């Protein structure tokens, strides 16, 4: 195991139980594990030494909800000023043209953005499997995560109710139950690592109550629990969803999911905006978690997550950037600022402090993913997952009064260094394991190709869209 000493940090923001800070601190690491943390550590013989002078060190941020495949449908004009259902209808007709290479490249871009914004662990919810394309698309995301060095928690999503059966997605992107369950088993058996310092864990994640059958929900829950893996889905994101569930299923969303076996301490939902007080209390008592996605919720006018009520009820709350197409970015630091400002506006200036937001994006997110034994704070015995910012940067001038909140309140989008499992994956603000310019060019070519194909089958005015683009040399 390689040893690493990070010394002379301006400050270490640990996010331990006491939210300790260690000015002039150092961290000693062996392999993936933090072995010592404090001041003047006697480990100068470490195989690698990083002088962190002027750097502030934070625990790696943990993203609890994402759709990496959506990276190629950001800033689509036809999907910018609509609510969720119309947004989905527009984009499904593009996503149906995904190829394995698109999934790989979109994951490379999205994960790259996450790493550059201090994220060291990300979940992903992949549920679009177009007809005639390999069903091993999540494998492409896992390949990208391995190459870039992030800790990865992909969840095998699914949709089984196409438009011909009353669902929202086109039939071309849904599957039947047997292939879904078979591939879910394959992914778990091939990739899932239950250990404390796993680089890949796998979850089970039907898309939503309005895109899968009752049988699939029940069988997915049974499968997940038989393998002891976690369960994830969208729930209570919009008022339209609530109305749909009452009309089509005869139950409110949470009541329906409870009937399907989808509540418990092994379950986390994305969004959770439209739960009532009794439902929030039930979620707290049974141990459910929620991924809060503020930018996506604001963009789609879905509503405001009741975070104060959730926290008071004991609901596990983590932070998520959501799919890039409903955020148009994959920056966890930007998401932290959005969360902080949104809830000041909604709940008052002292309801949720910036340091509380950092706690949610680290310790809170680790609990949502059931991974609190290994990640979420900088402590002896935890994974060496962290990011650093250089306090001497121009954008921090005049702001060096609270190191714990500095990158949140200033809204910086990029870190100086990111370390995952004791390995440097971002250095001087650049990804270590890929050429960013070449990746961006390949990604843009793939994105234009996918939209151009979709335009031939839909009302999208691709030529008008292309004319406004700046990629004149493509």
Protein backbone atom coordinates (compact mmCIF):
# COMPACT_ATOMS: atom_id res chain seq x y z
CA UNK A 1 0.00 0.00 0.00
CA UNK A 2 1.32 3.41 -0.94
CA UNK A 3 1.66 5.89 1.92
CA UNK A 4 0.84 9.57 1.55
CA UNK A 5 1.43 12.50 3.87
CA UNK A 6 -0.48 15.75 3.33
CA UNK A 7 1.11 18.37 5.57
CA UNK A 8 0.94 22.02 6.59
CA UNK A 9 -2.66 22.62 5.52
CA UNK A 10 -4.06 26.04 6.31
CA UNK A 11 -7.03 24.17 7.82
CA UNK A 12 -8.65 20.74 7.79
CA UNK A 13 -12.45 20.78 7.95
CA UNK A 14 -13.11 17.27 9.25
CA UNK A 15 -16.94 17.08 9.48
CA UNK A 16 -16.51 14.62 12.35
CA UNK A 17 -19.14 14.48 15.10
CA UNK A 18 -17.76 17.68 16.65
CA UNK A 19 -17.23 19.36 13.26
CA UNK A 20 -13.60 19.77 14.31
CA UNK A 21 -11.19 22.01 12.45
CA UNK A 22 -7.44 21.43 12.48
CA UNK A 23 -5.42 24.56 11.60
CA UNK A 24 -1.91 23.79 10.34
CA UNK A 25 -2.97 20.15 10.19
CA UNK A 26 -1.67 17.08 8.41
CA UNK A 27 -3.16 13.77 7.25
CA UNK A 28 -1.28 10.48 6.95
CA UNK A 29 -2.74 7.85 4.60
CA UNK A 30 -1.90 4.23 3.85
CA UNK A 31 -3.63 2.81 0.80
CA UNK A 32 -7.19 4.15 0.93
CA UNK A 33 -7.33 4.66 4.69
CA UNK A 34 -6.63 7.67 6.89
CA UNK A 35 -4.25 6.43 9.58
CA UNK A 36 -3.55 9.68 11.42
CA UNK A 37 -4.80 13.26 11.40
CA UNK A 38 -3.52 16.15 13.47
CA UNK A 39 -0.65 18.62 13.81
CA UNK A 40 3.05 17.78 13.27
CA UNK A 41 2.55 14.15 12.32
CA UNK A 42 5.83 12.13 12.39
CA UNK A 43 5.47 10.53 8.97
CA UNK A 44 7.99 12.36 6.80
CA UNK A 45 9.15 9.00 5.38
CA UNK A 46 5.85 8.57 3.51
CA UNK A 47 6.31 7.51 -0.10
CA UNK A 48 4.62 10.69 -1.27
CA UNK A 49 4.39 14.02 0.51
CA UNK A 50 2.06 16.85 -0.52
CA UNK A 51 2.72 20.28 0.92
CA UNK A 52 -0.75 21.76 1.46
CA UNK A 53 0.44 25.19 2.55
CA UNK A 54 -2.35 27.78 1.99
CA UNK A 55 -4.78 24.91 1.19
CA UNK A 56 -8.01 24.19 3.02
CA UNK A 57 -8.94 20.51 3.05
CA UNK A 58 -12.55 19.29 3.08
CA UNK A 59 -14.14 15.82 3.07
CA UNK A 60 -15.07 14.71 -0.42
CA UNK A 61 -18.61 15.67 -1.43
CA UNK A 62 -21.05 12.82 -2.04
CA UNK A 63 -23.62 13.04 -4.83
CA UNK A 64 -26.75 11.01 -4.06
CA UNK A 65 -28.67 11.42 -7.33
CA UNK A 66 -27.57 11.86 -10.93
CA UNK A 67 -28.29 10.78 -14.50
CA UNK A 68 -24.93 10.90 -16.20
CA UNK A 69 -26.34 9.94 -19.60
CA UNK A 70 -28.14 13.30 -19.68
CA UNK A 71 -24.88 15.21 -20.04
CA UNK A 72 -25.37 15.36 -23.83
CA UNK A 73 -28.77 17.06 -23.60
CA UNK A 74 -27.87 20.16 -21.64
CA UNK A 75 -28.97 23.59 -22.75
CA UNK A 76 -31.48 22.15 -25.25
CA UNK A 77 -33.74 25.13 -26.10
CA UNK A 78 -36.91 23.02 -26.30
CA UNK A 79 -36.39 21.67 -22.78
CA UNK A 80 -35.50 24.88 -20.97
CA UNK A 81 -38.83 26.45 -20.05
CA UNK A 82 -41.12 23.53 -19.29
CA UNK A 83 -42.22 21.47 -16.31
CA UNK A 84 -41.19 17.88 -15.63
CA UNK A 85 -43.61 15.86 -17.76
CA UNK A 86 -43.18 18.06 -20.87
CA UNK A 87 -39.42 18.09 -20.26
CA UNK A 88 -39.40 14.30 -20.22
CA UNK A 89 -41.52 14.00 -23.36
CA UNK A 90 -39.12 16.26 -25.24
CA UNK A 91 -35.95 14.49 -24.14
CA UNK A 92 -37.08 10.87 -24.32
CA UNK A 93 -37.15 11.25 -28.11
CA UNK A 94 -33.47 12.21 -28.02
CA UNK A 95 -32.35 9.67 -25.41
CA UNK A 96 -33.81 6.83 -27.46
CA UNK A 97 -30.81 7.28 -29.79
CA UNK A 98 -28.15 6.68 -27.12
CA UNK A 99 -25.30 4.35 -28.09
CA UNK A 100 -22.77 2.68 -25.75
CA UNK A 101 -20.08 5.18 -26.74
CA UNK A 102 -22.45 8.06 -25.87
CA UNK A 103 -23.02 6.58 -22.43
CA UNK A 104 -19.28 6.22 -21.84
CA UNK A 105 -18.45 9.74 -23.01
CA UNK A 106 -21.32 11.37 -21.16
CA UNK A 107 -20.20 9.61 -17.98
CA UNK A 108 -16.62 10.77 -18.54
CA UNK A 109 -17.78 14.38 -18.87
CA UNK A 110 -20.22 14.29 -15.96
CA UNK A 111 -17.83 12.49 -13.62
CA UNK A 112 -15.04 14.82 -14.67
CA UNK A 113 -17.16 17.83 -13.70
CA UNK A 114 -18.03 16.23 -10.39
CA UNK A 115 -14.40 15.50 -9.52
CA UNK A 116 -13.40 19.05 -10.42
CA UNK A 117 -16.06 20.36 -8.02
CA UNK A 118 -14.85 18.30 -5.05
CA UNK A 119 -17.10 15.26 -5.44
CA UNK A 120 -15.38 11.99 -4.57
CA UNK A 121 -18.38 9.62 -4.55
CA UNK A 122 -21.33 9.71 -6.92
CA UNK A 123 -24.40 7.61 -7.37
CA UNK A 124 -26.07 7.35 -10.75
CA UNK A 125 -29.59 6.39 -11.84
CA UNK A 126 -29.56 4.90 -15.36
CA UNK A 127 -32.92 3.73 -16.73
CA UNK A 128 -32.99 4.36 -20.52
CA UNK A 129 -32.25 1.22 -22.56
CA UNK A 130 -33.13 1.85 -26.22
CA UNK A 131 -34.28 -1.00 -28.46
CA UNK A 132 -31.53 -2.66 -30.45
CA UNK A 133 -28.72 -1.29 -28.27
CA UNK A 134 -26.67 -3.33 -25.82
CA UNK A 135 -28.28 -3.58 -22.39
CA UNK A 136 -24.80 -3.40 -20.87
CA UNK A 137 -24.82 0.39 -20.83
CA UNK A 138 -24.19 0.78 -17.11
CA UNK A 139 -20.96 -1.13 -17.73
CA UNK A 140 -19.85 1.84 -19.85
CA UNK A 141 -20.45 4.19 -16.92
CA UNK A 142 -18.51 1.91 -14.60
CA UNK A 143 -15.65 1.92 -17.11
CA UNK A 144 -15.60 5.71 -17.12
CA UNK A 145 -15.71 5.90 -13.31
CA UNK A 146 -12.80 3.47 -13.05
CA UNK A 147 -10.69 5.42 -15.54
CA UNK A 148 -11.23 8.76 -13.81
CA UNK A 149 -10.93 7.36 -10.28
CA UNK A 150 -14.21 8.30 -8.61
CA UNK A 151 -16.00 6.15 -6.03
CA UNK A 152 -19.14 5.01 -7.86
CA UNK A 153 -22.62 3.84 -6.85
CA UNK A 154 -24.55 3.08 -10.07
CA UNK A 155 -28.16 1.99 -9.70
CA UNK A 156 -29.79 -0.21 -12.33
CA UNK A 157 -32.85 1.73 -13.37
CA UNK A 158 -35.75 0.46 -15.41
CA UNK A 159 -38.94 1.44 -17.22
CA UNK A 160 -41.55 -1.15 -18.21
CA UNK A 161 -44.59 1.01 -18.99
CA UNK A 162 -44.30 2.63 -22.41
CA UNK A 163 -46.88 4.89 -24.01
CA UNK A 164 -48.80 1.96 -25.45
CA UNK A 165 -49.48 0.82 -21.87
CA UNK A 166 -50.35 4.25 -20.48
CA UNK A 167 -46.86 5.25 -19.40
CA UNK A 168 -44.92 8.39 -20.24
CA UNK A 169 -41.81 7.13 -22.09
CA UNK A 170 -41.86 5.94 -25.72
CA UNK A 171 -42.00 2.17 -26.13
CA UNK A 172 -38.54 2.22 -27.73
CA UNK A 173 -36.82 2.94 -24.38
CA UNK A 174 -38.67 0.51 -22.10
CA UNK A 175 -38.02 -3.16 -21.40
CA UNK A 176 -40.03 -6.08 -20.10
CA UNK A 177 -39.61 -7.38 -16.57
CA UNK A 178 -37.50 -10.48 -17.21
CA UNK A 179 -34.60 -8.77 -19.05
CA UNK A 180 -34.61 -5.98 -16.46
CA UNK A 181 -34.34 -8.34 -13.50
CA UNK A 182 -31.82 -10.57 -15.26
CA UNK A 183 -29.49 -7.67 -16.04
CA UNK A 184 -29.90 -6.26 -12.54
CA UNK A 185 -28.70 -9.57 -11.10
CA UNK A 186 -25.78 -9.60 -13.55
CA UNK A 187 -24.64 -6.12 -12.51
CA UNK A 188 -24.84 -6.88 -8.81
CA UNK A 189 -23.00 -10.18 -9.17
CA UNK A 190 -20.35 -8.68 -11.45
CA UNK A 191 -19.61 -5.35 -9.81
CA UNK A 192 -21.11 -4.88 -6.35
CA UNK A 193 -18.56 -4.68 -3.55
CA UNK A 194 -20.04 -4.48 -0.04
CA UNK A 195 -16.74 -3.57 1.61
CA UNK A 196 -16.00 -0.36 3.46
CA UNK A 197 -13.64 1.06 0.84
CA UNK A 198 -15.42 -0.27 -2.26
CA UNK A 199 -14.90 1.64 -5.48
CA UNK A 200 -18.18 0.29 -6.91
CA UNK A 201 -21.45 -0.53 -5.19
CA UNK A 202 -24.64 -1.32 -7.12
CA UNK A 203 -28.27 -0.53 -6.32
CA UNK A 204 -31.71 -1.36 -7.73
CA UNK A 205 -33.70 1.58 -9.10
CA UNK A 206 -36.98 1.38 -11.06
CA UNK A 207 -37.49 4.85 -12.49
CA UNK A 208 -40.76 6.04 -10.93
CA UNK A 209 -44.30 4.96 -10.02
CA UNK A 210 -45.59 6.14 -13.41
CA UNK A 211 -43.07 4.29 -15.59
CA UNK A 212 -42.93 0.76 -14.14
CA UNK A 213 -45.46 -1.95 -13.36
CA UNK A 214 -46.54 -3.08 -9.90
CA UNK A 215 -44.97 -6.48 -10.54
CA UNK A 216 -41.62 -4.91 -11.41
CA UNK A 217 -41.64 -2.78 -8.25
CA UNK A 218 -42.36 -5.81 -6.06
CA UNK A 219 -39.82 -8.05 -7.80
CA UNK A 220 -37.16 -5.32 -7.73
CA UNK A 221 -37.59 -4.91 -3.97
CA UNK A 222 -37.37 -8.66 -3.45
CA UNK A 223 -34.26 -8.92 -5.63
CA UNK A 224 -32.52 -6.01 -3.88
CA UNK A 225 -33.14 -7.41 -0.43
CA UNK A 226 -32.07 -10.88 -1.43
CA UNK A 227 -28.68 -9.41 -2.42
CA UNK A 228 -28.65 -6.91 0.47
CA UNK A 229 -28.21 -3.89 -1.81
CA UNK A 230 -29.93 -0.54 -1.60
CA UNK A 231 -33.04 0.65 -3.43
CA UNK A 232 -33.62 3.98 -5.16
CA UNK A 233 -36.34 5.70 -7.18
CA UNK A 234 -37.89 9.09 -7.97
CA UNK A 235 -40.77 10.00 -5.69
CA UNK A 236 -42.97 13.00 -4.86
CA UNK A 237 -41.11 15.28 -7.26
CA UNK A 238 -44.10 17.22 -8.62
CA UNK A 239 -47.74 17.90 -7.84
CA UNK A 240 -48.57 16.31 -11.23
CA UNK A 241 -47.03 13.06 -10.01
CA UNK A 242 -49.22 13.13 -6.91
CA UNK A 243 -52.31 13.74 -9.03
CA UNK A 244 -51.32 10.94 -11.42
CA UNK A 245 -50.83 8.44 -8.60
CA UNK A 246 -54.18 9.30 -7.02
CA UNK A 247 -55.99 9.02 -10.35
CA UNK A 248 -54.24 5.98 -11.83
CA UNK A 249 -53.13 4.04 -8.75
CA UNK A 250 -55.68 5.14 -6.17
CA UNK A 251 -53.01 6.05 -3.63
CA UNK A 252 -50.64 8.86 -2.78
CA UNK A 253 -47.07 8.18 -3.97
CA UNK A 254 -45.63 7.09 -0.61
CA UNK A 255 -48.64 4.94 0.25
CA UNK A 256 -48.30 3.21 -3.10
CA UNK A 257 -44.58 2.61 -2.61
CA UNK A 258 -45.20 1.25 0.88
CA UNK A 259 -47.70 -1.21 -0.58
CA UNK A 260 -45.03 -2.28 -3.07
CA UNK A 261 -42.45 -2.87 -0.29
CA UNK A 262 -40.52 0.30 -1.03
CA UNK A 263 -39.97 1.88 2.37
CA UNK A 264 -37.26 1.12 4.91
CA UNK A 265 -33.72 2.02 5.90
CA UNK A 266 -32.39 0.49 2.67
CA UNK A 267 -34.42 2.89 0.48
CA UNK A 268 -33.71 6.41 -0.70
CA UNK A 269 -35.85 8.59 -2.93
CA UNK A 270 -34.93 11.42 -5.26
CA UNK A 271 -36.61 14.82 -4.71
CA UNK A 272 -39.35 14.18 -2.11
CA UNK A 273 -40.91 17.63 -2.42
CA UNK A 274 -44.60 16.77 -2.06
CA UNK A 275 -44.68 14.56 1.03
CA UNK A 276 -47.11 15.68 3.75
CA UNK A 277 -46.30 15.87 7.48
CA UNK A 278 -47.51 12.35 8.27
CA UNK A 279 -45.47 10.92 5.41
CA UNK A 280 -42.35 12.78 6.52
CA UNK A 281 -42.82 11.40 10.02
CA UNK A 282 -43.20 7.87 8.64
CA UNK A 283 -40.05 8.23 6.55
CA UNK A 284 -38.09 9.38 9.57
CA UNK A 285 -39.28 6.50 11.71
CA UNK A 286 -38.55 3.83 9.09
CA UNK A 287 -35.13 5.20 8.07
CA UNK A 288 -35.80 6.29 4.48
CA UNK A 289 -33.41 8.72 2.83
CA UNK A 290 -33.95 11.51 0.30
CA UNK A 291 -31.63 13.06 -2.29
CA UNK A 292 -32.26 16.81 -2.33
CA UNK A 293 -31.70 18.31 -5.81
CA UNK A 294 -32.28 22.08 -5.49
CA UNK A 295 -31.14 23.30 -8.92
CA UNK A 296 -33.24 20.74 -10.79
CA UNK A 297 -36.28 21.47 -8.64
CA UNK A 298 -35.97 25.20 -9.28
CA UNK A 299 -35.38 24.82 -13.01
CA UNK A 300 -38.43 22.58 -13.53
CA UNK A 301 -40.57 24.62 -11.10
CA UNK A 302 -41.22 21.43 -9.16
CA UNK A 303 -41.37 23.07 -5.74
CA UNK A 304 -39.14 23.47 -2.69
CA UNK A 305 -37.93 20.49 -0.71
CA UNK A 306 -39.17 20.68 2.94
CA UNK A 307 -35.69 20.22 4.33
CA UNK A 308 -36.27 21.60 7.81
CA UNK A 309 -39.27 19.33 8.42
CA UNK A 310 -37.30 16.38 7.01
CA UNK A 311 -34.31 16.93 9.28
CA UNK A 312 -36.47 17.45 12.36
CA UNK A 313 -38.29 14.17 11.64
CA UNK A 314 -34.99 12.28 11.37
CA UNK A 315 -35.16 11.66 7.64
CA UNK A 316 -31.73 11.03 6.15
CA UNK A 317 -31.05 13.86 3.69
CA UNK A 318 -28.23 14.04 1.15
CA UNK A 319 -27.40 16.32 -1.77
CA UNK A 320 -27.73 15.51 -5.46
CA UNK A 321 -27.03 17.43 -8.65
CA UNK A 322 -29.68 15.38 -10.52
CA UNK A 323 -29.40 14.77 -14.23
CA UNK A 324 -27.36 17.26 -16.17
CA UNK A 325 -30.32 18.00 -18.43
CA UNK A 326 -32.37 19.34 -15.52
CA UNK A 327 -29.42 21.20 -14.02
CA UNK A 328 -27.15 21.87 -16.99
CA UNK A 329 -24.16 21.33 -14.72
CA UNK A 330 -22.63 18.64 -12.53
CA UNK A 331 -21.02 20.89 -9.94
CA UNK A 332 -21.50 19.86 -6.34
CA UNK A 333 -20.09 23.14 -5.06
CA UNK A 334 -22.62 25.09 -7.13
CA UNK A 335 -25.34 22.80 -5.78
CA UNK A 336 -24.22 23.55 -2.23
CA UNK A 337 -24.58 27.28 -2.84
CA UNK A 338 -28.00 26.80 -4.44
CA UNK A 339 -29.17 24.77 -1.43
CA UNK A 340 -27.92 27.35 1.02
CA UNK A 341 -29.55 30.29 -0.77
CA UNK A 342 -32.81 28.51 -1.55
CA UNK A 343 -33.51 27.62 2.04
CA UNK A 344 -32.51 31.04 3.34
CA UNK A 345 -35.17 32.41 1.02
CA UNK A 346 -37.72 29.75 1.93
CA UNK A 347 -37.11 29.27 5.66
CA UNK A 348 -35.29 32.38 6.90
CA UNK A 349 -31.65 33.47 7.17
CA UNK A 350 -30.63 31.17 10.04
CA UNK A 351 -32.61 28.02 9.16
CA UNK A 352 -29.80 26.27 7.27
CA UNK A 353 -26.28 27.62 7.56
CA UNK A 354 -23.60 27.06 4.94
CA UNK A 355 -21.75 24.65 7.23
CA UNK A 356 -25.00 22.71 7.70
CA UNK A 357 -25.19 22.38 3.92
CA UNK A 358 -21.64 21.00 3.86
CA UNK A 359 -22.65 18.49 6.54
CA UNK A 360 -25.61 17.36 4.41
CA UNK A 361 -23.39 16.93 1.33
CA UNK A 362 -20.87 14.82 3.27
CA UNK A 363 -22.17 13.12 6.41
CA UNK A 364 -25.81 13.31 5.34
CA UNK A 365 -25.13 11.90 1.89
CA UNK A 366 -23.05 9.06 3.33
CA UNK A 367 -26.00 8.00 5.49
CA UNK A 368 -28.39 8.17 2.52
CA UNK A 369 -26.11 5.75 0.64
CA UNK A 370 -25.64 3.53 3.69
CA UNK A 371 -21.90 4.18 3.55
CA UNK A 372 -21.26 6.15 6.74
CA UNK A 373 -18.66 3.62 7.95
CA UNK A 374 -16.30 4.48 5.11
CA UNK A 375 -16.93 7.96 3.72
CA UNK A 376 -18.33 11.36 4.66
CA UNK A 377 -15.73 12.77 7.06
CA UNK A 378 -11.98 13.07 7.56
CA UNK A 379 -11.24 10.78 10.48
CA UNK A 380 -8.91 7.93 11.33
CA UNK A 381 -10.33 4.75 9.81
CA UNK A 382 -12.28 6.53 7.06
CA UNK A 383 -11.43 6.64 3.37
CA UNK A 384 -8.92 9.24 2.23
CA UNK A 385 -11.48 11.11 0.10
CA UNK A 386 -11.05 14.88 0.10
CA UNK A 387 -10.71 18.06 -1.88
CA UNK A 388 -8.59 21.16 -1.42
CA UNK A 389 -8.94 24.79 -2.36
CA UNK A 390 -6.09 27.29 -2.39
CA UNK A 391 -6.99 30.15 -0.05
CA UNK A 392 -4.64 32.48 -1.94
CA UNK A 393 -6.85 32.45 -5.07
CA UNK A 394 -8.20 35.83 -6.18
CA UNK A 395 -11.86 34.85 -5.79
CA UNK A 396 -11.29 34.21 -2.08
CA UNK A 397 -9.65 37.58 -1.34
CA UNK A 398 -11.57 39.36 1.39
CA UNK A 399 -13.43 36.16 2.29
CA UNK A 400 -10.97 34.31 4.56
CA UNK A 401 -12.99 34.63 7.76
CA UNK A 402 -14.58 31.16 7.90
CA UNK A 403 -12.68 28.35 6.24
CA UNK A 404 -15.50 25.80 6.62
CA UNK A 405 -17.93 27.80 4.50
CA UNK A 406 -15.53 29.52 2.11
CA UNK A 407 -16.20 27.60 -1.15
CA UNK A 408 -19.95 27.50 -0.47
CA UNK A 409 -20.67 31.16 0.17
CA UNK A 410 -18.32 32.39 -2.55
CA UNK A 411 -19.77 29.94 -5.06
CA UNK A 412 -16.50 28.76 -6.50
CA UNK A 413 -17.09 26.09 -9.13
CA UNK A 414 -13.71 24.40 -9.14
CA UNK A 415 -11.28 22.94 -6.64
CA UNK A 416 -7.50 22.80 -6.81
CA UNK A 417 -7.05 19.14 -5.88
CA UNK A 418 -9.29 16.11 -5.39
CA UNK A 419 -8.10 12.88 -3.79
CA UNK A 420 -10.10 9.63 -3.85
CA UNK A 421 -8.91 6.67 -1.82
CA UNK A 422 -5.52 8.27 -1.32
CA UNK A 423 -4.99 8.87 -5.06
CA UNK A 424 -4.83 12.31 -6.66
CA UNK A 425 -7.43 12.52 -9.44
CA UNK A 426 -7.57 16.32 -9.87
CA UNK A 427 -4.39 18.37 -9.66
CA UNK A 428 -4.12 22.12 -10.21
CA UNK A 429 -7.78 22.10 -11.21
CA UNK A 430 -7.27 19.57 -14.03
CA UNK A 431 -8.30 15.93 -14.35
CA UNK A 432 -5.27 13.68 -13.97
CA UNK A 433 -6.44 10.70 -16.03
CA UNK A 434 -7.78 12.23 -19.25
CA UNK A 435 -7.12 14.99 -21.76
CA UNK A 436 -9.97 17.42 -21.10
CA UNK A 437 -9.87 19.16 -24.48
CA UNK A 438 -9.94 15.93 -26.45
CA UNK A 439 -12.73 14.58 -24.26
CA UNK A 440 -14.79 17.73 -24.76
CA UNK A 441 -14.42 17.52 -28.54
CA UNK A 442 -15.45 13.87 -28.69
CA UNK A 443 -18.38 14.57 -26.40
CA UNK A 444 -19.64 17.48 -28.47
CA UNK A 445 -19.45 15.45 -31.67
CA UNK A 446 -21.48 12.68 -30.05
CA UNK A 447 -24.05 15.10 -28.63
CA UNK A 448 -24.66 16.80 -31.98
CA UNK A 449 -24.96 13.44 -33.72
CA UNK A 450 -27.56 12.21 -31.24
CA UNK A 451 -29.67 15.35 -31.48
CA UNK A 452 -29.39 15.40 -35.27
CA UNK A 453 -30.73 11.83 -35.48
CA UNK A 454 -33.57 12.69 -33.11
CA UNK A 455 -34.49 15.71 -35.22
CA UNK A 456 -35.26 13.50 -38.18
CA UNK A 457 -38.01 11.79 -36.19
CA UNK A 458 -39.40 14.70 -34.13
CA UNK A 459 -40.36 18.37 -34.40
CA UNK A 460 -36.97 19.55 -33.17
CA UNK A 461 -35.59 22.25 -35.47
CA UNK A 462 -32.06 20.93 -35.47
CA UNK A 463 -30.82 23.27 -38.20
CA UNK A 464 -31.91 26.32 -36.22
CA UNK A 465 -30.31 24.91 -33.09
CA UNK A 466 -27.07 24.12 -34.92
CA UNK A 467 -26.96 27.60 -36.43
CA UNK A 468 -26.82 29.14 -32.97
CA UNK A 469 -23.96 26.89 -31.85
CA UNK A 470 -20.38 28.09 -31.68
CA UNK A 471 -18.87 24.82 -32.85
CA UNK A 472 -18.35 26.11 -36.39
CA UNK A 473 -15.43 23.80 -37.02
CA UNK A 474 -17.35 20.60 -36.27
